[in-house]
Amino acid sequence: MNLAFYVNTTNSSANNLRIYKSLNKVAEENKVDDAILFFNNVDFMSIDPKFGLFDGQNIWNFQGNLVCTDSETLAKAKLAVNKFNIGFLYDKSQPKQLYNFLFSVANVKIFTLTQEDRDDYYRITGDESELLSNLEDLSDDKKWEASHE
């Protein structure tokens, strides 16, 4: 299985650092065939990546499980036609325009890392999300089986 995250920028924000560390871990422990980070904008990364880095325009060539991290990356991923499952890592601190957000998450598997984020997502949408204990859980295909519909 291939696991990829799609971020807007490769900066060293707290969320991105969590993603980088998780991608490194699943790559080093051979939990996935390929660990990949897609991005729209390049910035300084404070870690040594053990995973592949590709411009977001190359998602059309990806096959596997793709986790988007904001509504912009999610919208771009949904426009690409390929053999990947799309998931969305919901974080209540991210800015969102409600109508665009609700449209973007339709038919996408939603993941959260905290009960607070899970409760907030439910409050906004009325739908449940998959609560993860850590991002490495996304290397398990079982987490991807039930799609959000």
Protein backbone atom coordinates (compact mmCIF):
# COMPACT_ATOMS: atom_id res chain seq x y z
CA MET A 1 0.00 0.00 0.00
CA ASN A 2 1.12 3.54 -0.74
CA LEU A 3 0.39 6.35 1.70
CA ALA A 4 0.63 10.03 0.80
CA PHE A 5 -0.21 13.32 2.44
CA TYR A 6 -1.03 16.42 0.42
CA VAL A 7 -0.09 19.72 2.09
CA ASN A 8 -0.31 23.26 0.81
CA THR A 9 3.24 24.15 1.88
CA THR A 10 6.25 22.22 3.18
CA ASN A 11 6.81 24.54 6.12
CA SER A 12 7.58 23.31 9.62
CA SER A 13 4.19 23.98 11.19
CA ALA A 14 3.14 21.73 14.07
CA ASN A 15 0.71 19.81 11.84
CA ASN A 16 3.28 19.36 9.09
CA LEU A 17 5.95 18.20 11.54
CA ARG A 18 3.52 15.57 12.83
CA ILE A 19 2.93 14.43 9.25
CA TYR A 20 6.67 14.35 8.41
CA LYS A 21 7.49 12.31 11.52
CA SER A 22 4.67 9.86 10.78
CA LEU A 23 5.72 9.44 7.14
CA ASN A 24 9.30 8.85 8.24
CA LYS A 25 8.15 6.27 10.79
CA VAL A 26 5.94 4.25 8.42
CA ALA A 27 8.69 4.36 5.77
CA GLU A 28 11.42 3.24 8.18
CA GLU A 29 9.23 0.46 9.61
CA ASN A 30 8.19 -0.71 6.11
CA LYS A 31 4.50 -0.34 6.97
CA VAL A 32 3.88 0.98 3.44
CA ASP A 33 5.39 0.35 0.03
CA ASP A 34 5.85 4.08 -0.56
CA ALA A 35 5.47 7.07 1.76
CA ILE A 36 4.99 10.33 -0.14
CA LEU A 37 4.39 14.01 0.53
CA PHE A 38 2.70 16.09 -2.17
CA PHE A 39 2.89 19.87 -1.83
CA ASN A 40 1.81 23.06 -3.61
CA ASN A 41 4.51 25.40 -2.25
CA VAL A 42 8.07 24.71 -1.13
CA ASP A 43 9.37 25.99 2.19
CA PHE A 44 12.03 24.98 4.71
CA MET A 45 11.62 21.51 6.25
CA SER A 46 13.40 21.05 9.55
CA ILE A 47 13.65 17.25 9.23
CA ASP A 48 15.49 14.78 7.03
CA PRO A 49 12.72 13.15 4.97
CA LYS A 50 12.77 9.39 4.45
CA PHE A 51 9.79 9.74 2.11
CA GLY A 52 9.27 10.96 -1.43
CA LEU A 53 8.48 14.62 -2.10
CA PHE A 54 6.51 15.59 -5.19
CA ASP A 55 4.80 18.69 -6.52
CA GLY A 56 1.03 18.51 -6.09
CA GLN A 57 0.56 18.55 -9.85
CA ASN A 58 1.90 14.99 -9.87
CA ILE A 59 -0.95 13.43 -7.88
CA TRP A 60 -2.47 12.20 -11.15
CA ASN A 61 0.30 9.55 -11.18
CA PHE A 62 -0.27 8.36 -7.58
CA GLN A 63 -2.03 5.14 -6.59
CA GLY A 64 -2.88 4.39 -2.96
CA ASN A 65 -4.32 6.32 -0.01
CA LEU A 66 -4.06 10.11 -0.16
CA VAL A 67 -4.70 12.27 2.92
CA CYS A 68 -5.48 15.93 2.19
CA THR A 69 -4.85 18.48 4.90
CA ASP A 70 -6.90 21.52 3.85
CA SER A 71 -9.82 22.39 1.59
CA GLU A 72 -7.51 23.62 -1.19
CA THR A 73 -5.57 20.36 -1.45
CA LEU A 74 -8.79 18.38 -1.13
CA ALA A 75 -10.43 20.26 -4.01
CA LYS A 76 -7.39 19.67 -6.23
CA ALA A 77 -7.24 15.98 -5.33
CA LYS A 78 -10.92 15.50 -6.13
CA LEU A 79 -10.32 16.93 -9.62
CA ALA A 80 -7.62 14.36 -10.38
CA VAL A 81 -8.76 11.13 -11.93
CA ASN A 82 -6.75 8.17 -10.72
CA LYS A 83 -6.73 5.09 -8.53
CA PHE A 84 -6.41 6.60 -5.07
CA ASN A 85 -8.63 6.81 -2.03
CA ILE A 86 -9.02 10.33 -0.72
CA GLY A 87 -9.11 11.07 2.98
CA PHE A 88 -9.20 14.38 4.82
CA LEU A 89 -7.41 15.13 8.08
CA TYR A 90 -9.83 17.46 9.86
CA ASP A 91 -8.37 20.03 12.22
CA LYS A 92 -10.79 22.57 13.70
CA SER A 93 -8.09 25.26 13.81
CA GLN A 94 -7.93 25.43 10.01
CA PRO A 95 -9.81 28.32 8.43
CA LYS A 96 -12.70 27.25 6.28
CA GLN A 97 -15.48 28.77 4.27
CA LEU A 98 -18.43 26.65 5.34
CA TYR A 99 -20.11 26.02 1.97
CA ASN A 100 -16.85 25.24 0.20
CA PHE A 101 -15.82 23.02 3.09
CA LEU A 102 -19.09 21.04 3.14
CA PHE A 103 -18.94 20.55 -0.62
CA SER A 104 -15.29 19.47 -0.50
CA VAL A 105 -15.70 16.79 2.17
CA ALA A 106 -18.67 15.11 0.48
CA ASN A 107 -17.86 11.43 -0.23
CA VAL A 108 -14.45 11.66 1.44
CA LYS A 109 -13.20 9.62 4.41
CA ILE A 110 -12.66 12.03 7.34
CA PHE A 111 -9.97 11.46 9.97
CA THR A 112 -9.38 13.33 13.24
CA LEU A 113 -6.59 13.14 15.80
CA THR A 114 -8.42 14.53 18.84
CA GLN A 115 -11.86 14.05 20.34
CA GLU A 116 -12.26 17.85 20.25
CA ASP A 117 -11.73 17.88 16.46
CA ARG A 118 -14.06 14.90 16.08
CA ASP A 119 -16.79 16.65 18.09
CA ASP A 120 -16.32 19.87 16.10
CA TYR A 121 -16.56 18.05 12.77
CA TYR A 122 -19.76 16.34 13.94
CA ARG A 123 -21.18 19.67 15.13
CA ILE A 124 -20.58 21.25 11.72
CA THR A 125 -21.60 18.37 9.46
CA GLY A 126 -23.69 15.93 11.50
CA ASP A 127 -21.38 13.16 10.25
CA GLU A 128 -18.94 10.98 12.14
CA SER A 129 -15.18 10.92 11.55
CA GLU A 130 -12.56 8.25 12.19
CA LEU A 131 -10.67 9.09 15.39
CA LEU A 132 -7.00 8.10 15.05
CA SER A 133 -4.60 7.50 17.90
CA ASN A 134 -1.76 8.72 15.63
CA LEU A 135 -1.09 9.36 11.95
CA GLU A 136 0.70 6.02 11.56
CA ASP A 137 -2.76 4.40 11.84
CA LEU A 138 -3.35 5.57 8.27
CA SER A 139 -0.90 2.94 7.04
CA ASP A 140 -3.57 0.33 7.91
CA ASP A 141 -5.85 -0.34 4.92
CA LYS A 142 -8.68 -1.20 7.33
CA LYS A 143 -8.92 2.48 8.27
CA TRP A 144 -9.76 3.22 4.63
CA GLU A 145 -12.40 0.52 4.07
CA ALA A 146 -15.59 2.31 5.08
CA SER A 147 -15.90 5.41 2.96
CA HIS A 148 -17.80 8.52 4.02
CA GLU A 149 -20.96 8.69 1.95
